[in-house]
Amino acid sequence: MSEPLIAGLVVFVLASFVGFEVINKVPPTLHTPLMSGANAVSGIAIVGAMLVAGTGNLSVTTILGLIAVVLAMVNVVGGFLVTDRMLQMFKK
């Protein structure tokens, strides 16, 4: 395996562990508002993934970009649905 691939995998695994630990430390009362803010970050990821996926040639990068667009859209839509449901609880 190439050195950049190994470095990328190490960064991915470490980021996964750090992300898991950070999310576990968030109290349940703050989880939904923080998730709403994270939707903006996912929106930025969607724009970047669309730029990568929209190159017009079929390659591994294009396929990964398409997968990133789909997963980020699922995250954004799900986050907005959960936020909307939470806000409905506060309406009279």
C-alpha atoms as a PDB file:
ATOM      1  CA  MET A   1       0.000   0.000   0.000  1.00  0.00           C
ATOM      2  CA  SER A   2       1.170   3.484  -0.728  1.00  0.00           C
ATOM      3  CA  GLU A   3       2.303   5.872   1.965  1.00  0.00           C
ATOM      4  CA  PRO A   4      -0.389   8.545   1.314  1.00  0.00           C
ATOM      5  CA  LEU A   5      -3.113   5.899   1.550  1.00  0.00           C
ATOM      6  CA  ILE A   6      -1.809   4.656   4.891  1.00  0.00           C
ATOM      7  CA  ALA A   7      -1.539   8.234   6.178  1.00  0.00           C
ATOM      8  CA  GLY A   8      -5.109   8.934   5.069  1.00  0.00           C
ATOM      9  CA  LEU A   9      -6.392   5.809   6.783  1.00  0.00           C
ATOM     10  CA  VAL A  10      -4.581   6.717  10.011  1.00  0.00           C
ATOM     11  CA  VAL A  11      -6.117  10.207   9.969  1.00  0.00           C
ATOM     12  CA  PHE A  12      -9.563   8.720   9.271  1.00  0.00           C
ATOM     13  CA  VAL A  13      -9.348   6.230  12.146  1.00  0.00           C
ATOM     14  CA  LEU A  14      -8.053   8.834  14.598  1.00  0.00           C
ATOM     15  CA  ALA A  15     -10.748  11.333  13.538  1.00  0.00           C
ATOM     16  CA  SER A  16     -13.382   8.625  14.014  1.00  0.00           C
ATOM     17  CA  PHE A  17     -12.226   7.928  17.571  1.00  0.00           C
ATOM     18  CA  VAL A  18     -12.024  11.624  18.456  1.00  0.00           C
ATOM     19  CA  GLY A  19     -15.469  12.289  16.957  1.00  0.00           C
ATOM     20  CA  PHE A  20     -16.984   9.388  18.871  1.00  0.00           C
ATOM     21  CA  GLU A  21     -15.521  10.622  22.155  1.00  0.00           C
ATOM     22  CA  VAL A  22     -16.663  14.208  21.565  1.00  0.00           C
ATOM     23  CA  ILE A  23     -20.221  13.151  20.727  1.00  0.00           C
ATOM     24  CA  ASN A  24     -20.407  10.887  23.793  1.00  0.00           C
ATOM     25  CA  LYS A  25     -19.560  13.832  26.061  1.00  0.00           C
ATOM     26  CA  VAL A  26     -22.485  15.963  24.797  1.00  0.00           C
ATOM     27  CA  PRO A  27     -25.509  15.926  27.138  1.00  0.00           C
ATOM     28  CA  PRO A  28     -28.804  14.831  25.516  1.00  0.00           C
ATOM     29  CA  THR A  29     -30.340  18.304  25.974  1.00  0.00           C
ATOM     30  CA  LEU A  30     -27.684  19.827  23.717  1.00  0.00           C
ATOM     31  CA  HIS A  31     -27.531  17.086  21.096  1.00  0.00           C
ATOM     32  CA  THR A  32     -30.363  18.312  18.847  1.00  0.00           C
ATOM     33  CA  PRO A  33     -29.298  22.000  18.760  1.00  0.00           C
ATOM     34  CA  LEU A  34     -25.720  20.951  18.003  1.00  0.00           C
ATOM     35  CA  MET A  35     -26.974  18.642  15.264  1.00  0.00           C
ATOM     36  CA  SER A  36     -28.829  21.566  13.716  1.00  0.00           C
ATOM     37  CA  GLY A  37     -25.592  23.516  13.586  1.00  0.00           C
ATOM     38  CA  ALA A  38     -23.820  20.518  12.097  1.00  0.00           C
ATOM     39  CA  ASN A  39     -26.264  20.610   9.188  1.00  0.00           C
ATOM     40  CA  ALA A  40     -24.535  23.746   7.954  1.00  0.00           C
ATOM     41  CA  VAL A  41     -21.226  21.876   7.920  1.00  0.00           C
ATOM     42  CA  SER A  42     -22.850  19.016   6.007  1.00  0.00           C
ATOM     43  CA  GLY A  43     -24.164  21.552   3.519  1.00  0.00           C
ATOM     44  CA  ILE A  44     -20.600  22.688   2.884  1.00  0.00           C
ATOM     45  CA  ALA A  45     -19.591  19.051   2.439  1.00  0.00           C
ATOM     46  CA  ILE A  46     -22.379  18.642  -0.122  1.00  0.00           C
ATOM     47  CA  VAL A  47     -21.094  21.560  -2.180  1.00  0.00           C
ATOM     48  CA  GLY A  48     -17.536  20.216  -2.108  1.00  0.00           C
ATOM     49  CA  ALA A  49     -18.653  16.686  -2.969  1.00  0.00           C
ATOM     50  CA  MET A  50     -20.745  17.978  -5.860  1.00  0.00           C
ATOM     51  CA  LEU A  51     -17.701  19.758  -7.229  1.00  0.00           C
ATOM     52  CA  VAL A  52     -15.732  16.506  -7.060  1.00  0.00           C
ATOM     53  CA  ALA A  53     -18.552  14.332  -8.421  1.00  0.00           C
ATOM     54  CA  GLY A  54     -19.400  16.739 -11.223  1.00  0.00           C
ATOM     55  CA  THR A  55     -16.141  16.394 -13.154  1.00  0.00           C
ATOM     56  CA  GLY A  56     -17.866  14.438 -15.927  1.00  0.00           C
ATOM     57  CA  ASN A  57     -15.474  11.502 -16.129  1.00  0.00           C
ATOM     58  CA  LEU A  58     -16.092   8.193 -14.419  1.00  0.00           C
ATOM     59  CA  SER A  59     -13.337   7.472 -11.931  1.00  0.00           C
ATOM     60  CA  VAL A  60     -12.959   6.378  -8.322  1.00  0.00           C
ATOM     61  CA  THR A  61     -12.934  10.025  -7.256  1.00  0.00           C
ATOM     62  CA  THR A  62     -16.219  10.699  -9.032  1.00  0.00           C
ATOM     63  CA  ILE A  63     -17.877   7.646  -7.470  1.00  0.00           C
ATOM     64  CA  LEU A  64     -16.638   8.612  -3.984  1.00  0.00           C
ATOM     65  CA  GLY A  65     -17.890  12.158  -4.568  1.00  0.00           C
ATOM     66  CA  LEU A  66     -21.320  10.829  -5.512  1.00  0.00           C
ATOM     67  CA  ILE A  67     -21.423   8.658  -2.398  1.00  0.00           C
ATOM     68  CA  ALA A  68     -20.405  11.691  -0.303  1.00  0.00           C
ATOM     69  CA  VAL A  69     -23.231  13.752  -1.809  1.00  0.00           C
ATOM     70  CA  VAL A  70     -25.811  11.056  -1.038  1.00  0.00           C
ATOM     71  CA  LEU A  71     -24.625  10.513   2.550  1.00  0.00           C
ATOM     72  CA  ALA A  72     -24.374  14.238   3.287  1.00  0.00           C
ATOM     73  CA  MET A  73     -27.880  14.791   1.921  1.00  0.00           C
ATOM     74  CA  VAL A  74     -29.239  12.019   4.152  1.00  0.00           C
ATOM     75  CA  ASN A  75     -27.527  13.701   7.113  1.00  0.00           C
ATOM     76  CA  VAL A  76     -28.883  17.157   6.283  1.00  0.00           C
ATOM     77  CA  VAL A  77     -32.453  16.030   5.609  1.00  0.00           C
ATOM     78  CA  GLY A  78     -32.526  13.812   8.708  1.00  0.00           C
ATOM     79  CA  GLY A  79     -31.108  16.612  10.837  1.00  0.00           C
ATOM     80  CA  PHE A  80     -33.712  19.083   9.642  1.00  0.00           C
ATOM     81  CA  LEU A  81     -36.520  16.568  10.227  1.00  0.00           C
ATOM     82  CA  VAL A  82     -35.348  15.918  13.795  1.00  0.00           C
ATOM     83  CA  THR A  83     -34.954  19.655  14.440  1.00  0.00           C
ATOM     84  CA  ASP A  84     -38.436  20.348  13.068  1.00  0.00           C
ATOM     85  CA  ARG A  85     -39.886  17.617  15.250  1.00  0.00           C
ATOM     86  CA  MET A  86     -38.125  19.075  18.290  1.00  0.00           C
ATOM     87  CA  LEU A  87     -39.460  22.555  17.539  1.00  0.00           C
ATOM     88  CA  GLN A  88     -42.997  21.163  17.141  1.00  0.00           C
ATOM     89  CA  MET A  89     -42.837  20.003  20.759  1.00  0.00           C
ATOM     90  CA  PHE A  90     -42.533  23.620  21.921  1.00  0.00           C
ATOM     91  CA  LYS A  91     -45.552  24.913  19.965  1.00  0.00           C
ATOM     92  CA  LYS A  92     -48.867  25.232  21.745  1.00  0.00           C
END
